[in-house]
Amino acid sequence: METKRLYRSDTDKMLLGVCGGIGEYLNVDSTVIRLLWAILVCTGPGLLAYLAAAIIIPRR
C-alpha cells in the first residue's frame, strides 16, 4: 500500500502550488481550498501561514 504524502502541486497551481497540493491530498477541489485560504488571509494571519506552508511543503 502506497502512503499518501503532501506535496505542492506542479500542475494545479496559481502561485506556489500549496492549495493545489492540499486539494490533491484531501481529494477536494482546489478552488474550495483557495476560497478558504482567501478568507483566512482576510481575517487573520493567512499570508504568513501560506508562506510557511510554501517553505515547509516540498515540491514533487
C-alpha atoms as a PDB file:
ATOM      1  CA  MET A   1       0.000   0.000   0.000  1.00  0.00           C
ATOM      2  CA  GLU A   2       1.366   3.379  -1.008  1.00  0.00           C
ATOM      3  CA  THR A   3       1.463   6.026   1.698  1.00  0.00           C
ATOM      4  CA  LYS A   4      -0.148   9.349   0.973  1.00  0.00           C
ATOM      5  CA  ARG A   5       2.228  12.333   1.045  1.00  0.00           C
ATOM      6  CA  LEU A   6       1.592  16.052   0.891  1.00  0.00           C
ATOM      7  CA  TYR A   7       3.374  17.902  -1.913  1.00  0.00           C
ATOM      8  CA  ARG A   8       2.971  21.276  -3.576  1.00  0.00           C
ATOM      9  CA  SER A   9       1.298  20.797  -6.936  1.00  0.00           C
ATOM     10  CA  ASP A  10       3.211  21.475 -10.144  1.00  0.00           C
ATOM     11  CA  THR A  11       0.109  21.182 -12.333  1.00  0.00           C
ATOM     12  CA  ASP A  12      -2.696  22.770 -10.282  1.00  0.00           C
ATOM     13  CA  LYS A  13      -1.137  25.980  -9.059  1.00  0.00           C
ATOM     14  CA  MET A  14      -1.762  29.702  -9.144  1.00  0.00           C
ATOM     15  CA  LEU A  15       1.129  30.972  -7.028  1.00  0.00           C
ATOM     16  CA  LEU A  16       3.267  28.304  -5.403  1.00  0.00           C
ATOM     17  CA  GLY A  17       1.045  25.204  -5.615  1.00  0.00           C
ATOM     18  CA  VAL A  18       0.179  24.996  -1.918  1.00  0.00           C
ATOM     19  CA  CYS A  19      -3.617  24.996  -2.334  1.00  0.00           C
ATOM     20  CA  GLY A  20      -3.450  22.625  -5.296  1.00  0.00           C
ATOM     21  CA  GLY A  21      -1.309  20.206  -3.311  1.00  0.00           C
ATOM     22  CA  ILE A  22      -3.606  20.340  -0.292  1.00  0.00           C
ATOM     23  CA  GLY A  23      -6.593  19.765  -2.576  1.00  0.00           C
ATOM     24  CA  GLU A  24      -4.937  16.722  -4.162  1.00  0.00           C
ATOM     25  CA  TYR A  25      -4.011  15.362  -0.728  1.00  0.00           C
ATOM     26  CA  LEU A  26      -7.534  15.763   0.655  1.00  0.00           C
ATOM     27  CA  ASN A  27      -9.284  14.768  -2.623  1.00  0.00           C
ATOM     28  CA  VAL A  28     -11.089  18.114  -2.628  1.00  0.00           C
ATOM     29  CA  ASP A  29     -11.385  20.646  -5.444  1.00  0.00           C
ATOM     30  CA  SER A  30      -8.526  23.118  -5.074  1.00  0.00           C
ATOM     31  CA  THR A  31     -10.935  26.022  -5.640  1.00  0.00           C
ATOM     32  CA  VAL A  32     -12.540  25.245  -2.277  1.00  0.00           C
ATOM     33  CA  ILE A  33      -9.119  25.266  -0.603  1.00  0.00           C
ATOM     34  CA  ARG A  34      -8.245  28.573  -2.311  1.00  0.00           C
ATOM     35  CA  LEU A  35     -11.519  30.133  -1.178  1.00  0.00           C
ATOM     36  CA  LEU A  36     -10.984  29.040   2.417  1.00  0.00           C
ATOM     37  CA  TRP A  37      -7.399  30.310   2.315  1.00  0.00           C
ATOM     38  CA  ALA A  38      -8.554  33.689   0.922  1.00  0.00           C
ATOM     39  CA  ILE A  39     -10.986  34.016   3.821  1.00  0.00           C
ATOM     40  CA  LEU A  40      -8.162  33.164   6.223  1.00  0.00           C
ATOM     41  CA  VAL A  41      -5.915  35.794   4.631  1.00  0.00           C
ATOM     42  CA  CYS A  42      -8.603  38.461   5.023  1.00  0.00           C
ATOM     43  CA  THR A  43      -9.433  37.602   8.634  1.00  0.00           C
ATOM     44  CA  GLY A  44      -6.119  36.576  10.148  1.00  0.00           C
ATOM     45  CA  PRO A  45      -2.527  35.559   9.601  1.00  0.00           C
ATOM     46  CA  GLY A  46      -3.267  33.601   6.425  1.00  0.00           C
ATOM     47  CA  LEU A  47      -0.493  35.162   4.345  1.00  0.00           C
ATOM     48  CA  LEU A  48       2.179  34.118   6.841  1.00  0.00           C
ATOM     49  CA  ALA A  49       0.641  30.640   7.035  1.00  0.00           C
ATOM     50  CA  TYR A  50       0.687  30.372   3.225  1.00  0.00           C
ATOM     51  CA  LEU A  51       4.341  31.403   3.035  1.00  0.00           C
ATOM     52  CA  ALA A  52       5.237  28.982   5.834  1.00  0.00           C
ATOM     53  CA  ALA A  53       3.388  26.175   4.026  1.00  0.00           C
ATOM     54  CA  ALA A  54       5.197  27.024   0.780  1.00  0.00           C
ATOM     55  CA  ILE A  55       8.526  26.684   2.592  1.00  0.00           C
ATOM     56  CA  ILE A  56       7.642  23.550   4.574  1.00  0.00           C
ATOM     57  CA  ILE A  57       5.707  21.510   1.977  1.00  0.00           C
ATOM     58  CA  PRO A  58       8.144  20.040  -0.558  1.00  0.00           C
ATOM     59  CA  ARG A  59       7.711  20.181  -4.332  1.00  0.00           C
ATOM     60  CA  ARG A  60       7.057  16.910  -6.092  1.00  0.00           C
END
